[in-house]
C-alpha atoms as a PDB file:
ATOM      1  CA  MET A   1     178.299 128.282  69.014  1.00  0.00           C
ATOM      2  CA  GLY A   2     177.698 130.977  67.301  1.00  0.00           C
ATOM      3  CA  GLN A   3     178.312 134.611  68.916  1.00  0.00           C
ATOM      4  CA  LEU A   4     175.649 136.031  70.064  1.00  0.00           C
ATOM      5  CA  ALA A   5     173.064 138.938  67.993  1.00  0.00           C
ATOM      6  CA  SER A   6     174.258 142.487  68.024  1.00  0.00           C
ATOM      7  CA  HIS A   7     170.544 143.464  69.342  1.00  0.00           C
ATOM      8  CA  PRO A   8     169.999 143.333  72.598  1.00  0.00           C
ATOM      9  CA  GLU A   9     165.980 142.106  71.617  1.00  0.00           C
ATOM     10  CA  GLU A  10     168.118 139.205  69.172  1.00  0.00           C
ATOM     11  CA  GLU A  11     169.985 138.790  72.179  1.00  0.00           C
ATOM     12  CA  VAL A  12     167.052 137.717  74.513  1.00  0.00           C
ATOM     13  CA  ARG A  13     165.276 135.352  72.393  1.00  0.00           C
ATOM     14  CA  HIS A  14     168.885 133.188  71.853  1.00  0.00           C
ATOM     15  CA  ALA A  15     168.656 132.699  75.029  1.00  0.00           C
ATOM     16  CA  ILE A  16     165.520 131.074  75.186  1.00  0.00           C
ATOM     17  CA  GLU A  17     166.293 128.937  73.101  1.00  0.00           C
ATOM     18  CA  VAL A  18     169.089 127.651  74.727  1.00  0.00           C
ATOM     19  CA  LEU A  19     166.596 126.566  77.844  1.00  0.00           C
ATOM     20  CA  ALA A  20     165.290 123.992  75.584  1.00  0.00           C
ATOM     21  CA  ALA A  21     169.093 122.080  76.775  1.00  0.00           C
ATOM     22  CA  ALA A  22     167.863 121.279  80.395  1.00  0.00           C
ATOM     23  CA  ASP A  23     170.996 120.463  81.839  1.00  0.00           C
ATOM     24  CA  GLY A  24     172.229 121.001  86.250  1.00  0.00           C
ATOM     25  CA  ARG A  25     171.218 123.000  89.163  1.00  0.00           C
ATOM     26  CA  ILE A  26     174.535 123.598  90.158  1.00  0.00           C
ATOM     27  CA  ILE A  27     174.759 126.660  87.454  1.00  0.00           C
ATOM     28  CA  GLU A  28     171.891 128.952  90.077  1.00  0.00           C
ATOM     29  CA  LYS A  29     175.389 129.003  92.165  1.00  0.00           C
ATOM     30  CA  GLN A  30     177.275 131.110  89.851  1.00  0.00           C
ATOM     31  CA  VAL A  31     174.264 132.811  89.234  1.00  0.00           C
ATOM     32  CA  ARG A  32     173.821 133.468  92.555  1.00  0.00           C
ATOM     33  CA  ALA A  33     176.989 134.874  93.400  1.00  0.00           C
ATOM     34  CA  VAL A  34     177.499 137.742  90.512  1.00  0.00           C
ATOM     35  CA  ASN A  35     175.088 139.821  91.318  1.00  0.00           C
ATOM     36  CA  ASP A  36     170.687 140.556  93.092  1.00  0.00           C
ATOM     37  CA  ARG A  37     170.282 141.505  89.636  1.00  0.00           C
ATOM     38  CA  GLY A  38     171.057 137.852  88.837  1.00  0.00           C
ATOM     39  CA  VAL A  39     169.143 136.237  92.001  1.00  0.00           C
ATOM     40  CA  ARG A  40     165.907 138.876  90.946  1.00  0.00           C
ATOM     41  CA  PHE A  41     166.651 137.243  87.375  1.00  0.00           C
ATOM     42  CA  LEU A  42     166.334 133.644  89.073  1.00  0.00           C
ATOM     43  CA  ASN A  43     163.737 133.994  91.422  1.00  0.00           C
ATOM     44  CA  LYS A  44     161.450 135.204  88.708  1.00  0.00           C
ATOM     45  CA  VAL A  45     162.208 132.021  86.234  1.00  0.00           C
ATOM     46  CA  ARG A  46     161.150 130.097  89.566  1.00  0.00           C
ATOM     47  CA  VAL A  47     158.395 130.749  89.735  1.00  0.00           C
ATOM     48  CA  VAL A  48     157.226 130.802  85.794  1.00  0.00           C
ATOM     49  CA  GLU A  49     153.686 128.536  84.923  1.00  0.00           C
ATOM     50  CA  ASP A  50     152.047 125.998  83.124  1.00  0.00           C
ATOM     51  CA  ASN A  51     150.626 129.968  81.203  1.00  0.00           C
ATOM     52  CA  VAL A  52     153.336 131.705  81.163  1.00  0.00           C
ATOM     53  CA  THR A  53     153.638 134.211  77.706  1.00  0.00           C
ATOM     54  CA  LEU A  54     157.412 134.327  76.163  1.00  0.00           C
ATOM     55  CA  HIS A  55     156.675 138.214  76.542  1.00  0.00           C
ATOM     56  CA  ASP A  56     156.859 138.145  79.559  1.00  0.00           C
ATOM     57  CA  LEU A  57     160.071 135.819  80.251  1.00  0.00           C
ATOM     58  CA  GLU A  58     161.975 138.047  77.511  1.00  0.00           C
ATOM     59  CA  ASN A  59     160.774 141.085  80.232  1.00  0.00           C
ATOM     60  CA  ALA A  60     162.699 138.485  83.163  1.00  0.00           C
ATOM     61  CA  LEU A  61     165.832 138.274  81.057  1.00  0.00           C
ATOM     62  CA  ALA A  62     165.219 141.485  79.773  1.00  0.00           C
ATOM     63  CA  GLY A  63     166.062 142.852  83.459  1.00  0.00           C
ATOM     64  CA  LEU A  64     169.759 141.792  83.090  1.00  0.00           C
ATOM     65  CA  ARG A  65     172.640 144.226  82.324  1.00  0.00           C
ATOM     66  CA  SER A  66     174.703 141.459  81.262  1.00  0.00           C
ATOM     67  CA  VAL A  67     173.432 138.485  78.388  1.00  0.00           C
ATOM     68  CA  VAL A  68     172.638 135.756  79.636  1.00  0.00           C
ATOM     69  CA  ASP A  69     174.201 132.767  78.989  1.00  0.00           C
ATOM     70  CA  PRO A  70     173.745 129.381  77.800  1.00  0.00           C
ATOM     71  CA  ALA A  71     175.025 127.330  80.955  1.00  0.00           C
ATOM     72  CA  THR A  72     172.728 129.314  83.389  1.00  0.00           C
ATOM     73  CA  ALA A  73     169.552 129.546  81.097  1.00  0.00           C
ATOM     74  CA  ARG A  74     169.873 125.811  81.118  1.00  0.00           C
ATOM     75  CA  ALA A  75     169.645 125.623  84.750  1.00  0.00           C
ATOM     76  CA  ALA A  76     166.957 127.624  85.271  1.00  0.00           C
ATOM     77  CA  GLN A  77     164.547 125.802  82.613  1.00  0.00           C
ATOM     78  CA  ALA A  78     166.586 122.763  84.097  1.00  0.00           C
ATOM     79  CA  THR A  79     164.387 123.809  87.783  1.00  0.00           C
ATOM     80  CA  GLU A  80     161.256 124.565  86.419  1.00  0.00           C
ATOM     81  CA  ASN A  81     161.020 120.831  84.856  1.00  0.00           C
ATOM     82  CA  VAL A  82     161.792 119.346  87.663  1.00  0.00           C
ATOM     83  CA  TRP A  83     158.295 121.451  89.486  1.00  0.00           C
ATOM     84  CA  ARG A  84     156.219 120.308  86.403  1.00  0.00           C
ATOM     85  CA  GLU A  85     157.064 116.851  86.752  1.00  0.00           C
ATOM     86  CA  VAL A  86     156.135 116.904  90.711  1.00  0.00           C
ATOM     87  CA  ALA A  87     153.095 118.287  89.349  1.00  0.00           C
ATOM     88  CA  ASP A  88     152.349 116.174  87.128  1.00  0.00           C
ATOM     89  CA  ASP A  89     153.455 112.962  88.627  1.00  0.00           C
ATOM     90  CA  TYR A  90     152.642 112.801  92.445  1.00  0.00           C
ATOM     91  CA  GLY A  91     151.118 116.511  93.062  1.00  0.00           C
ATOM     92  CA  LEU A  92     152.102 119.419  94.539  1.00  0.00           C
ATOM     93  CA  LEU A  93     149.184 119.913  97.392  1.00  0.00           C
ATOM     94  CA  ARG A  94     148.343 123.521  98.921  1.00  0.00           C
ATOM     95  CA  SER A  95     147.156 123.533 102.736  1.00  0.00           C
ATOM     96  CA  GLY A  96     143.800 123.194 101.675  1.00  0.00           C
ATOM     97  CA  GLU A  97     143.816 119.951 100.179  1.00  0.00           C
ATOM     98  CA  VAL A  98     147.008 118.106 102.830  1.00  0.00           C
ATOM     99  CA  GLY A  99     144.220 118.527 105.257  1.00  0.00           C
ATOM    100  CA  GLU A 100     141.709 117.104 103.452  1.00  0.00           C
ATOM    101  CA  ILE A 101     144.101 114.404 103.695  1.00  0.00           C
ATOM    102  CA  LEU A 102     145.154 114.247 106.889  1.00  0.00           C
ATOM    103  CA  GLY A 103     141.953 114.110 107.488  1.00  0.00           C
ATOM    104  CA  ALA A 104     141.277 117.954 109.214  1.00  0.00           C
ATOM    105  CA  SER A 105     138.876 120.849 107.374  1.00  0.00           C
ATOM    106  CA  LYS A 106     140.755 122.583 104.880  1.00  0.00           C
ATOM    107  CA  SER A 107     139.479 125.332 106.591  1.00  0.00           C
ATOM    108  CA  ASN A 108     142.036 124.828 109.266  1.00  0.00           C
ATOM    109  CA  ARG A 109     145.592 126.361 108.020  1.00  0.00           C
ATOM    110  CA  GLU A 110     147.684 126.191 111.332  1.00  0.00           C
ATOM    111  CA  PHE A 111     146.793 121.975 110.456  1.00  0.00           C
ATOM    112  CA  VAL A 112     149.354 121.808 108.075  1.00  0.00           C
ATOM    113  CA  SER A 113     151.823 124.166 108.756  1.00  0.00           C
ATOM    114  CA  SER A 114     152.477 123.720 112.598  1.00  0.00           C
ATOM    115  CA  ARG A 115     152.991 120.307 110.929  1.00  0.00           C
ATOM    116  CA  ARG A 116     155.476 121.711 109.126  1.00  0.00           C
ATOM    117  CA  ASN A 117     156.747 123.847 111.900  1.00  0.00           C
ATOM    118  CA  ARG A 118     157.606 120.801 113.878  1.00  0.00           C
ATOM    119  CA  GLY A 119     159.321 118.893 110.934  1.00  0.00           C
ATOM    120  CA  GLU A 120     157.328 116.425 109.452  1.00  0.00           C
ATOM    121  CA  LEU A 121     156.135 118.369 106.926  1.00  0.00           C
ATOM    122  CA  LEU A 122     158.083 119.193 103.406  1.00  0.00           C
ATOM    123  CA  GLY A 123     156.084 122.481 102.582  1.00  0.00           C
ATOM    124  CA  VAL A 124     158.579 124.173 100.092  1.00  0.00           C
ATOM    125  CA  VAL A 125     157.720 127.752  99.048  1.00  0.00           C
ATOM    126  CA  ARG A 126     156.801 128.210  95.668  1.00  0.00           C
ATOM    127  CA  ASN A 127     155.150 132.242  93.827  1.00  0.00           C
ATOM    128  CA  ASN A 128     155.263 133.489  97.615  1.00  0.00           C
ATOM    129  CA  GLY A 129     153.297 130.099  98.876  1.00  0.00           C
ATOM    130  CA  TYR A 130     153.601 126.614 100.560  1.00  0.00           C
ATOM    131  CA  LEU A 131     153.340 123.499  98.316  1.00  0.00           C
ATOM    132  CA  PHE A 132     153.712 119.787  99.199  1.00  0.00           C
ATOM    133  CA  PRO A 133     154.472 117.802  96.918  1.00  0.00           C
ATOM    134  CA  GLY A 134     152.329 114.190  96.740  1.00  0.00           C
ATOM    135  CA  PHE A 135     155.445 111.781  96.867  1.00  0.00           C
ATOM    136  CA  GLN A 136     154.783 112.465 100.843  1.00  0.00           C
ATOM    137  CA  PHE A 137     151.796 111.130 101.959  1.00  0.00           C
ATOM    138  CA  ASP A 138     149.891 107.779 101.853  1.00  0.00           C
ATOM    139  CA  ARG A 139     146.505 108.734 100.356  1.00  0.00           C
ATOM    140  CA  THR A 140     145.730 105.113 101.764  1.00  0.00           C
ATOM    141  CA  THR A 141     145.226 105.560 105.104  1.00  0.00           C
ATOM    142  CA  GLY A 142     144.960 109.888 105.044  1.00  0.00           C
ATOM    143  CA  SER A 143     149.027 109.708 106.274  1.00  0.00           C
ATOM    144  CA  ILE A 144     152.174 111.420 106.285  1.00  0.00           C
ATOM    145  CA  ARG A 145     154.763 109.101 105.241  1.00  0.00           C
ATOM    146  CA  PRO A 146     156.865 107.855 108.351  1.00  0.00           C
ATOM    147  CA  TRP A 147     160.213 108.312 106.659  1.00  0.00           C
ATOM    148  CA  VAL A 148     158.765 111.873 106.225  1.00  0.00           C
ATOM    149  CA  LYS A 149     159.887 113.162 109.591  1.00  0.00           C
ATOM    150  CA  PRO A 150     163.537 111.488 109.811  1.00  0.00           C
ATOM    151  CA  LEU A 151     164.301 112.494 106.711  1.00  0.00           C
ATOM    152  CA  LEU A 152     163.834 116.223 107.247  1.00  0.00           C
ATOM    153  CA  GLU A 153     165.496 116.101 110.208  1.00  0.00           C
ATOM    154  CA  LEU A 154     169.410 114.310 108.583  1.00  0.00           C
ATOM    155  CA  ALA A 155     168.557 117.264 106.011  1.00  0.00           C
ATOM    156  CA  ALA A 156     168.521 119.838 108.655  1.00  0.00           C
ATOM    157  CA  GLU A 157     171.820 117.930 109.664  1.00  0.00           C
ATOM    158  CA  SER A 158     173.319 117.872 106.268  1.00  0.00           C
ATOM    159  CA  ASN A 159     172.620 121.607 105.790  1.00  0.00           C
ATOM    160  CA  GLN A 160     169.499 121.109 103.110  1.00  0.00           C
ATOM    161  CA  GLY A 161     167.146 123.120 102.431  1.00  0.00           C
ATOM    162  CA  ALA A 162     163.518 122.139 101.936  1.00  0.00           C
ATOM    163  CA  ALA A 163     164.433 122.973  98.138  1.00  0.00           C
ATOM    164  CA  ASP A 164     166.986 120.689  98.140  1.00  0.00           C
ATOM    165  CA  VAL A 165     165.457 117.995  99.306  1.00  0.00           C
ATOM    166  CA  LEU A 166     162.879 118.214  96.872  1.00  0.00           C
ATOM    167  CA  PHE A 167     165.113 118.323  93.789  1.00  0.00           C
ATOM    168  CA  TRP A 168     166.989 115.341  95.369  1.00  0.00           C
ATOM    169  CA  MET A 169     164.160 113.144  95.947  1.00  0.00           C
ATOM    170  CA  MET A 170     162.748 114.167  91.931  1.00  0.00           C
ATOM    171  CA  SER A 171     166.845 113.710  90.586  1.00  0.00           C
ATOM    172  CA  PRO A 172     167.635 110.107  89.456  1.00  0.00           C
ATOM    173  CA  THR A 173     170.564 108.391  91.874  1.00  0.00           C
ATOM    174  CA  THR A 174     172.928 105.412  91.277  1.00  0.00           C
ATOM    175  CA  TYR A 175     171.758 104.211  94.525  1.00  0.00           C
ATOM    176  CA  PHE A 176     168.860 103.436  93.430  1.00  0.00           C
ATOM    177  CA  ASN A 177     170.709 102.270  90.587  1.00  0.00           C
ATOM    178  CA  GLY A 178     169.245 104.986  88.356  1.00  0.00           C
ATOM    179  CA  ASP A 179     165.047 105.566  89.685  1.00  0.00           C
ATOM    180  CA  ARG A 180     164.619 109.411  91.615  1.00  0.00           C
ATOM    181  CA  PRO A 181     164.702 108.677  95.429  1.00  0.00           C
ATOM    182  CA  ALA A 182     160.991 109.369  94.449  1.00  0.00           C
ATOM    183  CA  ASP A 183     159.829 106.157  93.131  1.00  0.00           C
ATOM    184  CA  HIS A 184     160.832 104.256  96.075  1.00  0.00           C
ATOM    185  CA  VAL A 185     158.471 106.286  98.728  1.00  0.00           C
ATOM    186  CA  GLU A 186     157.064 102.785  99.926  1.00  0.00           C
ATOM    187  CA  ASP A 187     161.057 101.923 100.790  1.00  0.00           C
ATOM    188  CA  GLY A 188     161.601 104.688 104.123  1.00  0.00           C
ATOM    189  CA  ASP A 189     164.344 102.616 105.447  1.00  0.00           C
ATOM    190  CA  ARG A 190     166.149 101.864 102.955  1.00  0.00           C
ATOM    191  CA  LEU A 191     165.702 106.534 101.327  1.00  0.00           C
ATOM    192  CA  VAL A 192     167.059 107.779 104.619  1.00  0.00           C
ATOM    193  CA  ASP A 193     169.765 105.689 104.230  1.00  0.00           C
ATOM    194  CA  VAL A 194     170.195 106.595 100.969  1.00  0.00           C
ATOM    195  CA  ALA A 195     170.095 110.201 101.601  1.00  0.00           C
ATOM    196  CA  ARG A 196     172.268 110.002 104.853  1.00  0.00           C
ATOM    197  CA  ARG A 197     174.857 108.498 102.070  1.00  0.00           C
ATOM    198  CA  ALA A 198     174.488 110.670  99.729  1.00  0.00           C
ATOM    199  CA  TRP A 199     174.668 114.168 101.603  1.00  0.00           C
ATOM    200  CA  SER A 200     177.180 112.359 103.888  1.00  0.00           C
ATOM    201  CA  VAL A 201     179.975 112.513 100.226  1.00  0.00           C
ATOM    202  CA  GLU A 202     182.001 115.643 100.772  1.00  0.00           C
ATOM    203  CA  TRP A 203     183.259 116.621  97.189  1.00  0.00           C
END
């Protein structure tokens, strides 16, 4: 890879260019370990919407004192790509939409938040609010899929946060012959069993 340009503007543009080559979420840990600026940068990238402008992303990158290395930039884009994949394939629902699916009034926010607090719903923070991935709902019966609660209980026991569960559900795995766990929501027992085996692996 060529050397970064000497001008800050070109360095920022170079970092943005490497976003296209997304791979690996493990780099996030490295960014968080650097300093508070790295964490703030990660948070800014995570709330990027589809209508983000290049100028907005440049400003987020320019807020860092050090140059963003390509691996970090790729990890940030990989995270954003997963969010968009969930939204495109299953939907990322707001509380009101979830309430409607489950038969509650759209204005009854407590109905959904109480189920999330009890560990019955997977809700992930994005843009300062909770969003609920659509793969956990059976829209035919208007219900939460029965594997959701045991999966979240297992996640808590394994120190997996809500975002970890979301990313695991969307990540191809050899346990499902290269499929994503989210592709097998009809087989709840197997899904929970695979999660137990995957999260108990020690590296």
